[in-house]
Amino acid sequence: MDSIAALAFGTVFVLGITVGSFLNVCILRIPAGESVVTVPSHCVSCGKRLHWFELIPVLSYLFLRGRCLGCKSRISAQYPLIEAANGVIWCVLFQHYGPEPDFLFACPLCSALLVMSVIDARTREIPPGINLFALVLGALRLLFHLSEWPQYAAGFFAVSVPLLLVLILSGGKGIGGGDVKLMAACGLFLGWKEILLAFFLSCLFGTAVHLPRMAIGKAGKGLALGPYLFAGVFFALMWGNSVINKLV
């Protein structure tokens, strides 16, 4: 890797972990109904307002040794993990897309889905704002692919309509409304072929992970589908075209 490429990836990573710090705010505050903008960053244990040097992504956690500077309570490892994960995801997307418009749309989509995954895993609910954000991203991205608009319009309905029928027929027991809306938004972003692949893979991932958890960890039958939907969408973003071209 030459120096220019290293600088580019380094910049993307720093931007990614910086946004990752905001993602932690969203993960914490959205389920609680708190503002993610107006409330200053603070310790969740003692309420102390954090200084700038306590807000440096990843590094602050390491320097503080995972403890609040004021009350010394332990800081969740979620914070550096989400920050680092978002940085790595952005770098992987940059490796795939390069400095193209699709990269600028894929990054916020994956960041939003990362937030959604953690919240859904904890609360079994997908925040409506996440779905709306993904829908807006898909609509804006479509402006750069107007010649292919039919496949993206079809993607909006390809998975969401069958899931909507499952939702109606099962009385909400078979699938959640948030999952239906998420597949509609991501379908507009990906197109019908890739959203079908993404959903198939998400079901495959969910089965592969949850069945052993049920057998070994005695997990219940219900599962949060959001994290697996994110995994399927990410796979489709990265390798969907290659897989589909080989299959057809």
C-alpha atoms as a PDB file:
ATOM      1  CA  MET A   1       0.000   0.000   0.000  1.00  0.00           C
ATOM      2  CA  ASP A   2       1.497   3.343  -1.033  1.00  0.00           C
ATOM      3  CA  SER A   3       1.497   6.438   1.165  1.00  0.00           C
ATOM      4  CA  ILE A   4      -1.483   8.047  -0.596  1.00  0.00           C
ATOM      5  CA  ALA A   5      -3.613   4.919  -0.150  1.00  0.00           C
ATOM      6  CA  ALA A   6      -2.533   4.626   3.482  1.00  0.00           C
ATOM      7  CA  LEU A   7      -3.484   8.257   4.069  1.00  0.00           C
ATOM      8  CA  ALA A   8      -6.861   7.700   2.413  1.00  0.00           C
ATOM      9  CA  PHE A   9      -7.643   4.624   4.507  1.00  0.00           C
ATOM     10  CA  GLY A  10      -6.387   6.336   7.644  1.00  0.00           C
ATOM     11  CA  THR A  11      -8.653   9.294   6.991  1.00  0.00           C
ATOM     12  CA  VAL A  12     -11.628   7.027   6.374  1.00  0.00           C
ATOM     13  CA  PHE A  13     -10.905   5.096   9.574  1.00  0.00           C
ATOM     14  CA  VAL A  14     -10.636   8.258  11.690  1.00  0.00           C
ATOM     15  CA  LEU A  15     -13.885   9.573  10.225  1.00  0.00           C
ATOM     16  CA  GLY A  16     -15.479   6.179  10.845  1.00  0.00           C
ATOM     17  CA  ILE A  17     -14.540   5.950  14.517  1.00  0.00           C
ATOM     18  CA  THR A  18     -15.554   9.588  15.022  1.00  0.00           C
ATOM     19  CA  VAL A  19     -19.007   8.835  13.638  1.00  0.00           C
ATOM     20  CA  GLY A  20     -18.908   5.650  15.709  1.00  0.00           C
ATOM     21  CA  SER A  21     -18.756   7.792  18.830  1.00  0.00           C
ATOM     22  CA  PHE A  22     -22.047   9.402  17.773  1.00  0.00           C
ATOM     23  CA  LEU A  23     -23.499   5.964  17.067  1.00  0.00           C
ATOM     24  CA  ASN A  24     -22.952   5.072  20.725  1.00  0.00           C
ATOM     25  CA  VAL A  25     -24.985   8.129  21.684  1.00  0.00           C
ATOM     26  CA  CYS A  26     -27.780   6.965  19.391  1.00  0.00           C
ATOM     27  CA  ILE A  27     -27.690   3.416  20.768  1.00  0.00           C
ATOM     28  CA  LEU A  28     -27.969   4.707  24.327  1.00  0.00           C
ATOM     29  CA  ARG A  29     -30.474   7.511  23.898  1.00  0.00           C
ATOM     30  CA  ILE A  30     -32.888   6.496  21.137  1.00  0.00           C
ATOM     31  CA  PRO A  31     -34.518   3.661  23.136  1.00  0.00           C
ATOM     32  CA  ALA A  32     -34.788   6.019  26.120  1.00  0.00           C
ATOM     33  CA  GLY A  33     -36.446   8.705  24.025  1.00  0.00           C
ATOM     34  CA  GLU A  34     -33.668  11.206  24.745  1.00  0.00           C
ATOM     35  CA  SER A  35     -32.257  13.757  22.322  1.00  0.00           C
ATOM     36  CA  VAL A  36     -29.089  12.687  20.543  1.00  0.00           C
ATOM     37  CA  VAL A  37     -28.163  16.310  19.822  1.00  0.00           C
ATOM     38  CA  THR A  38     -29.073  18.697  22.636  1.00  0.00           C
ATOM     39  CA  VAL A  39     -28.028  16.700  25.721  1.00  0.00           C
ATOM     40  CA  PRO A  40     -24.251  16.989  26.424  1.00  0.00           C
ATOM     41  CA  SER A  41     -22.196  13.806  26.679  1.00  0.00           C
ATOM     42  CA  HIS A  42     -22.062  12.595  30.266  1.00  0.00           C
ATOM     43  CA  CYS A  43     -21.235   9.596  32.428  1.00  0.00           C
ATOM     44  CA  VAL A  44     -24.254   7.314  32.627  1.00  0.00           C
ATOM     45  CA  SER A  45     -23.376   6.418  36.231  1.00  0.00           C
ATOM     46  CA  CYS A  46     -22.681   9.747  37.931  1.00  0.00           C
ATOM     47  CA  GLY A  47     -23.930  12.203  35.312  1.00  0.00           C
ATOM     48  CA  LYS A  48     -20.634  14.099  35.108  1.00  0.00           C
ATOM     49  CA  ARG A  49     -20.280  16.071  31.892  1.00  0.00           C
ATOM     50  CA  LEU A  50     -17.409  14.698  29.860  1.00  0.00           C
ATOM     51  CA  HIS A  51     -14.421  16.806  28.843  1.00  0.00           C
ATOM     52  CA  TRP A  52     -13.098  16.810  25.299  1.00  0.00           C
ATOM     53  CA  PHE A  53     -10.234  14.502  26.195  1.00  0.00           C
ATOM     54  CA  GLU A  54     -12.745  11.942  27.465  1.00  0.00           C
ATOM     55  CA  LEU A  55     -14.481  11.880  24.090  1.00  0.00           C
ATOM     56  CA  ILE A  56     -11.634  10.869  21.786  1.00  0.00           C
ATOM     57  CA  PRO A  57     -12.862   7.729  19.978  1.00  0.00           C
ATOM     58  CA  VAL A  58     -11.217   4.489  21.165  1.00  0.00           C
ATOM     59  CA  LEU A  59      -8.190   6.273  22.679  1.00  0.00           C
ATOM     60  CA  SER A  60     -10.061   7.862  25.601  1.00  0.00           C
ATOM     61  CA  TYR A  61     -11.329   4.457  26.709  1.00  0.00           C
ATOM     62  CA  LEU A  62      -7.770   3.097  26.653  1.00  0.00           C
ATOM     63  CA  PHE A  63      -6.246   6.088  28.430  1.00  0.00           C
ATOM     64  CA  LEU A  64      -8.950   6.032  31.113  1.00  0.00           C
ATOM     65  CA  ARG A  65      -8.576   2.264  31.423  1.00  0.00           C
ATOM     66  CA  GLY A  66     -12.275   1.804  30.930  1.00  0.00           C
ATOM     67  CA  ARG A  67     -13.340   3.845  33.949  1.00  0.00           C
ATOM     68  CA  CYS A  68     -15.050   7.181  34.493  1.00  0.00           C
ATOM     69  CA  LEU A  69     -12.605   9.919  35.462  1.00  0.00           C
ATOM     70  CA  GLY A  70     -15.035  11.158  38.116  1.00  0.00           C
ATOM     71  CA  CYS A  71     -16.793   8.268  39.835  1.00  0.00           C
ATOM     72  CA  LYS A  72     -14.400   5.528  38.655  1.00  0.00           C
ATOM     73  CA  SER A  73     -17.292   3.335  37.562  1.00  0.00           C
ATOM     74  CA  ARG A  74     -16.580   0.953  34.719  1.00  0.00           C
ATOM     75  CA  ILE A  75     -17.319   2.173  31.199  1.00  0.00           C
ATOM     76  CA  SER A  76     -18.938  -0.360  28.897  1.00  0.00           C
ATOM     77  CA  ALA A  77     -16.597  -1.889  26.316  1.00  0.00           C
ATOM     78  CA  GLN A  78     -19.401  -1.260  23.850  1.00  0.00           C
ATOM     79  CA  TYR A  79     -18.094   2.265  23.296  1.00  0.00           C
ATOM     80  CA  PRO A  80     -14.674   1.457  21.786  1.00  0.00           C
ATOM     81  CA  LEU A  81     -16.026  -1.665  20.085  1.00  0.00           C
ATOM     82  CA  ILE A  82     -18.753   0.235  18.204  1.00  0.00           C
ATOM     83  CA  GLU A  83     -16.327   3.015  17.309  1.00  0.00           C
ATOM     84  CA  ALA A  84     -13.697   0.592  16.013  1.00  0.00           C
ATOM     85  CA  ALA A  85     -16.302  -1.539  14.223  1.00  0.00           C
ATOM     86  CA  ASN A  86     -17.662   1.478  12.379  1.00  0.00           C
ATOM     87  CA  GLY A  87     -14.144   2.519  11.379  1.00  0.00           C
ATOM     88  CA  VAL A  88     -13.372  -0.950  10.027  1.00  0.00           C
ATOM     89  CA  ILE A  89     -16.708  -1.135   8.179  1.00  0.00           C
ATOM     90  CA  TRP A  90     -16.046   2.196   6.491  1.00  0.00           C
ATOM     91  CA  CYS A  91     -12.557   1.056   5.448  1.00  0.00           C
ATOM     92  CA  VAL A  92     -13.936  -2.185   4.006  1.00  0.00           C
ATOM     93  CA  LEU A  93     -16.528  -0.205   2.051  1.00  0.00           C
ATOM     94  CA  PHE A  94     -13.827   2.176   0.828  1.00  0.00           C
ATOM     95  CA  GLN A  95     -11.753  -0.785  -0.336  1.00  0.00           C
ATOM     96  CA  HIS A  96     -14.766  -2.037  -2.293  1.00  0.00           C
ATOM     97  CA  TYR A  97     -16.197   1.174  -3.752  1.00  0.00           C
ATOM     98  CA  GLY A  98     -13.284   3.583  -3.745  1.00  0.00           C
ATOM     99  CA  PRO A  99     -14.038   7.334  -3.778  1.00  0.00           C
ATOM    100  CA  GLU A 100     -17.348   6.882  -5.608  1.00  0.00           C
ATOM    101  CA  PRO A 101     -20.818   8.276  -4.769  1.00  0.00           C
ATOM    102  CA  ASP A 102     -22.035   4.814  -3.720  1.00  0.00           C
ATOM    103  CA  PHE A 103     -19.383   4.788  -0.994  1.00  0.00           C
ATOM    104  CA  LEU A 104     -20.821   8.014   0.440  1.00  0.00           C
ATOM    105  CA  PHE A 105     -24.248   6.388   0.687  1.00  0.00           C
ATOM    106  CA  ALA A 106     -23.126   2.928   1.839  1.00  0.00           C
ATOM    107  CA  CYS A 107     -21.222   4.289   4.850  1.00  0.00           C
ATOM    108  CA  PRO A 108     -24.156   6.051   6.568  1.00  0.00           C
ATOM    109  CA  LEU A 109     -26.446   3.143   5.680  1.00  0.00           C
ATOM    110  CA  CYS A 110     -24.171   0.618   7.395  1.00  0.00           C
ATOM    111  CA  SER A 111     -23.671   2.938  10.362  1.00  0.00           C
ATOM    112  CA  ALA A 112     -27.430   3.276  10.771  1.00  0.00           C
ATOM    113  CA  LEU A 113     -27.860  -0.492  10.497  1.00  0.00           C
ATOM    114  CA  LEU A 114     -25.159  -0.976  13.123  1.00  0.00           C
ATOM    115  CA  VAL A 115     -27.159   1.213  15.509  1.00  0.00           C
ATOM    116  CA  MET A 116     -30.327  -0.646  14.578  1.00  0.00           C
ATOM    117  CA  SER A 117     -28.694  -4.014  15.225  1.00  0.00           C
ATOM    118  CA  VAL A 118     -27.639  -3.193  18.775  1.00  0.00           C
ATOM    119  CA  ILE A 119     -30.958  -1.571  19.652  1.00  0.00           C
ATOM    120  CA  ASP A 120     -32.983  -4.425  18.149  1.00  0.00           C
ATOM    121  CA  ALA A 121     -30.863  -7.031  19.937  1.00  0.00           C
ATOM    122  CA  ARG A 122     -31.597  -5.300  23.236  1.00  0.00           C
ATOM    123  CA  THR A 123     -35.185  -4.148  22.833  1.00  0.00           C
ATOM    124  CA  ARG A 124     -36.601  -6.263  19.969  1.00  0.00           C
ATOM    125  CA  GLU A 125     -37.627  -3.016  18.292  1.00  0.00           C
ATOM    126  CA  ILE A 126     -36.280  -1.225  15.229  1.00  0.00           C
ATOM    127  CA  PRO A 127     -36.465   2.566  15.671  1.00  0.00           C
ATOM    128  CA  PRO A 128     -38.679   4.167  12.985  1.00  0.00           C
ATOM    129  CA  GLY A 129     -36.085   6.898  12.499  1.00  0.00           C
ATOM    130  CA  ILE A 130     -33.524   4.317  11.334  1.00  0.00           C
ATOM    131  CA  ASN A 131     -35.908   3.016   8.682  1.00  0.00           C
ATOM    132  CA  LEU A 132     -36.720   6.538   7.527  1.00  0.00           C
ATOM    133  CA  PHE A 133     -33.027   7.412   7.339  1.00  0.00           C
ATOM    134  CA  ALA A 134     -32.302   4.294   5.243  1.00  0.00           C
ATOM    135  CA  LEU A 135     -35.229   5.141   2.967  1.00  0.00           C
ATOM    136  CA  VAL A 136     -33.951   8.678   2.391  1.00  0.00           C
ATOM    137  CA  LEU A 137     -30.472   7.331   1.612  1.00  0.00           C
ATOM    138  CA  GLY A 138     -31.945   4.914  -0.920  1.00  0.00           C
ATOM    139  CA  ALA A 139     -33.954   7.673  -2.570  1.00  0.00           C
ATOM    140  CA  LEU A 140     -30.928   9.979  -2.796  1.00  0.00           C
ATOM    141  CA  ARG A 141     -28.717   7.202  -4.151  1.00  0.00           C
ATOM    142  CA  LEU A 142     -31.346   6.497  -6.805  1.00  0.00           C
ATOM    143  CA  LEU A 143     -30.646   9.937  -8.285  1.00  0.00           C
ATOM    144  CA  PHE A 144     -27.242   8.584  -9.357  1.00  0.00           C
ATOM    145  CA  HIS A 145     -28.803   5.461 -10.919  1.00  0.00           C
ATOM    146  CA  LEU A 146     -31.898   6.820 -12.650  1.00  0.00           C
ATOM    147  CA  SER A 147     -31.419   4.589 -15.696  1.00  0.00           C
ATOM    148  CA  GLU A 148     -31.840   1.560 -13.411  1.00  0.00           C
ATOM    149  CA  TRP A 149     -34.763   2.895 -11.394  1.00  0.00           C
ATOM    150  CA  PRO A 150     -37.157  -0.035 -12.170  1.00  0.00           C
ATOM    151  CA  GLN A 151     -34.947  -2.580 -10.390  1.00  0.00           C
ATOM    152  CA  TYR A 152     -34.624  -0.349  -7.325  1.00  0.00           C
ATOM    153  CA  ALA A 153     -38.340   0.406  -7.279  1.00  0.00           C
ATOM    154  CA  ALA A 154     -38.984  -3.341  -7.495  1.00  0.00           C
ATOM    155  CA  GLY A 155     -36.521  -3.825  -4.655  1.00  0.00           C
ATOM    156  CA  PHE A 156     -38.737  -1.686  -2.419  1.00  0.00           C
ATOM    157  CA  PHE A 157     -41.512  -4.291  -2.759  1.00  0.00           C
ATOM    158  CA  ALA A 158     -39.618  -7.545  -3.423  1.00  0.00           C
ATOM    159  CA  VAL A 159     -39.187  -8.604   0.223  1.00  0.00           C
ATOM    160  CA  SER A 160     -41.326  -6.098   2.100  1.00  0.00           C
ATOM    161  CA  VAL A 161     -44.625  -7.135   0.495  1.00  0.00           C
ATOM    162  CA  PRO A 162     -44.266 -10.868   1.306  1.00  0.00           C
ATOM    163  CA  LEU A 163     -43.197  -9.932   4.829  1.00  0.00           C
ATOM    164  CA  LEU A 164     -46.172  -7.613   5.147  1.00  0.00           C
ATOM    165  CA  LEU A 165     -48.453 -10.529   4.290  1.00  0.00           C
ATOM    166  CA  VAL A 166     -46.721 -12.630   6.953  1.00  0.00           C
ATOM    167  CA  LEU A 167     -47.192  -9.779   9.420  1.00  0.00           C
ATOM    168  CA  ILE A 168     -50.897  -9.527   8.662  1.00  0.00           C
ATOM    169  CA  LEU A 169     -51.628 -13.260   8.569  1.00  0.00           C
ATOM    170  CA  SER A 170     -49.670 -13.973  11.751  1.00  0.00           C
ATOM    171  CA  GLY A 171     -51.088 -11.040  13.647  1.00  0.00           C
ATOM    172  CA  GLY A 172     -47.582  -9.705  14.211  1.00  0.00           C
ATOM    173  CA  LYS A 173     -46.214 -12.968  15.598  1.00  0.00           C
ATOM    174  CA  GLY A 174     -44.316 -14.070  12.497  1.00  0.00           C
ATOM    175  CA  ILE A 175     -42.432 -10.858  11.775  1.00  0.00           C
ATOM    176  CA  GLY A 176     -42.178  -7.354  13.163  1.00  0.00           C
ATOM    177  CA  GLY A 177     -43.394  -4.237  11.423  1.00  0.00           C
ATOM    178  CA  GLY A 178     -39.966  -2.675  11.760  1.00  0.00           C
ATOM    179  CA  ASP A 179     -38.415  -5.568   9.822  1.00  0.00           C
ATOM    180  CA  VAL A 180     -40.931  -5.036   6.997  1.00  0.00           C
ATOM    181  CA  LYS A 181     -40.128  -1.332   6.746  1.00  0.00           C
ATOM    182  CA  LEU A 182     -36.403  -1.979   6.940  1.00  0.00           C
ATOM    183  CA  MET A 183     -36.543  -4.400   4.025  1.00  0.00           C
ATOM    184  CA  ALA A 184     -38.500  -1.874   1.991  1.00  0.00           C
ATOM    185  CA  ALA A 185     -35.920   0.850   2.637  1.00  0.00           C
ATOM    186  CA  CYS A 186     -32.934  -1.433   2.029  1.00  0.00           C
ATOM    187  CA  GLY A 187     -34.641  -2.864  -1.047  1.00  0.00           C
ATOM    188  CA  LEU A 188     -34.825   0.611  -2.556  1.00  0.00           C
ATOM    189  CA  PHE A 189     -31.114   0.974  -1.837  1.00  0.00           C
ATOM    190  CA  LEU A 190     -30.018  -2.429  -3.166  1.00  0.00           C
ATOM    191  CA  GLY A 191     -32.491  -3.335  -5.897  1.00  0.00           C
ATOM    192  CA  TRP A 192     -34.668  -6.429  -6.105  1.00  0.00           C
ATOM    193  CA  LYS A 193     -31.960  -9.009  -6.840  1.00  0.00           C
ATOM    194  CA  GLU A 194     -29.644  -7.989  -4.045  1.00  0.00           C
ATOM    195  CA  ILE A 195     -32.383  -7.496  -1.449  1.00  0.00           C
ATOM    196  CA  LEU A 196     -33.637 -11.023  -2.145  1.00  0.00           C
ATOM    197  CA  LEU A 197     -30.090 -12.295  -1.642  1.00  0.00           C
ATOM    198  CA  ALA A 198     -29.681 -10.175   1.482  1.00  0.00           C
ATOM    199  CA  PHE A 199     -32.880 -11.507   3.040  1.00  0.00           C
ATOM    200  CA  PHE A 200     -32.053 -15.108   2.169  1.00  0.00           C
ATOM    201  CA  LEU A 201     -28.635 -14.745   3.756  1.00  0.00           C
ATOM    202  CA  SER A 202     -30.033 -13.015   6.835  1.00  0.00           C
ATOM    203  CA  CYS A 203     -32.371 -15.964   7.392  1.00  0.00           C
ATOM    204  CA  LEU A 204     -29.457 -18.346   6.862  1.00  0.00           C
ATOM    205  CA  PHE A 205     -27.246 -16.411   9.288  1.00  0.00           C
ATOM    206  CA  GLY A 206     -30.036 -16.212  11.853  1.00  0.00           C
ATOM    207  CA  THR A 207     -30.675 -19.950  11.667  1.00  0.00           C
ATOM    208  CA  ALA A 208     -26.974 -20.821  11.880  1.00  0.00           C
ATOM    209  CA  VAL A 209     -26.500 -18.669  14.971  1.00  0.00           C
ATOM    210  CA  HIS A 210     -29.796 -19.022  16.814  1.00  0.00           C
ATOM    211  CA  LEU A 211     -30.349 -22.783  16.598  1.00  0.00           C
ATOM    212  CA  PRO A 212     -27.078 -23.547  18.438  1.00  0.00           C
ATOM    213  CA  ARG A 213     -27.976 -20.849  20.977  1.00  0.00           C
ATOM    214  CA  MET A 214     -31.293 -22.596  21.552  1.00  0.00           C
ATOM    215  CA  ALA A 215     -29.601 -25.981  21.903  1.00  0.00           C
ATOM    216  CA  ILE A 216     -26.628 -24.911  24.011  1.00  0.00           C
ATOM    217  CA  GLY A 217     -27.568 -21.646  25.663  1.00  0.00           C
ATOM    218  CA  LYS A 218     -31.270 -22.371  26.022  1.00  0.00           C
ATOM    219  CA  ALA A 219     -32.233 -19.217  24.153  1.00  0.00           C
ATOM    220  CA  GLY A 220     -35.911 -18.734  23.406  1.00  0.00           C
ATOM    221  CA  LYS A 221     -37.513 -19.294  20.020  1.00  0.00           C
ATOM    222  CA  GLY A 222     -37.897 -15.578  19.389  1.00  0.00           C
ATOM    223  CA  LEU A 223     -34.933 -13.686  18.007  1.00  0.00           C
ATOM    224  CA  ALA A 224     -34.072 -10.159  17.031  1.00  0.00           C
ATOM    225  CA  LEU A 225     -33.829 -10.336  13.248  1.00  0.00           C
ATOM    226  CA  GLY A 226     -32.234  -6.895  12.875  1.00  0.00           C
ATOM    227  CA  PRO A 227     -28.571  -7.913  13.335  1.00  0.00           C
ATOM    228  CA  TYR A 228     -28.948 -10.699  10.792  1.00  0.00           C
ATOM    229  CA  LEU A 229     -30.682  -8.374   8.328  1.00  0.00           C
ATOM    230  CA  PHE A 230     -27.697  -6.051   8.664  1.00  0.00           C
ATOM    231  CA  ALA A 231     -25.316  -8.940   7.987  1.00  0.00           C
ATOM    232  CA  GLY A 232     -27.288  -9.901   4.887  1.00  0.00           C
ATOM    233  CA  VAL A 233     -27.423  -6.332   3.586  1.00  0.00           C
ATOM    234  CA  PHE A 234     -23.704  -5.823   4.173  1.00  0.00           C
ATOM    235  CA  PHE A 235     -22.881  -9.036   2.316  1.00  0.00           C
ATOM    236  CA  ALA A 236     -25.096  -7.939  -0.575  1.00  0.00           C
ATOM    237  CA  LEU A 237     -23.433  -4.528  -0.682  1.00  0.00           C
ATOM    238  CA  MET A 238     -19.987  -6.083  -0.853  1.00  0.00           C
ATOM    239  CA  TRP A 239     -20.407  -9.253  -2.883  1.00  0.00           C
ATOM    240  CA  GLY A 240     -24.015  -9.336  -4.080  1.00  0.00           C
ATOM    241  CA  ASN A 241     -23.287  -8.585  -7.736  1.00  0.00           C
ATOM    242  CA  SER A 242     -20.553 -11.206  -7.936  1.00  0.00           C
ATOM    243  CA  VAL A 243     -22.709 -13.912  -6.343  1.00  0.00           C
ATOM    244  CA  ILE A 244     -25.748 -13.098  -8.469  1.00  0.00           C
ATOM    245  CA  ASN A 245     -23.716 -13.025 -11.693  1.00  0.00           C
ATOM    246  CA  LYS A 246     -22.324 -16.480 -10.900  1.00  0.00           C
ATOM    247  CA  LEU A 247     -25.772 -17.862 -10.117  1.00  0.00           C
ATOM    248  CA  VAL A 248     -27.330 -16.576 -13.322  1.00  0.00           C
END
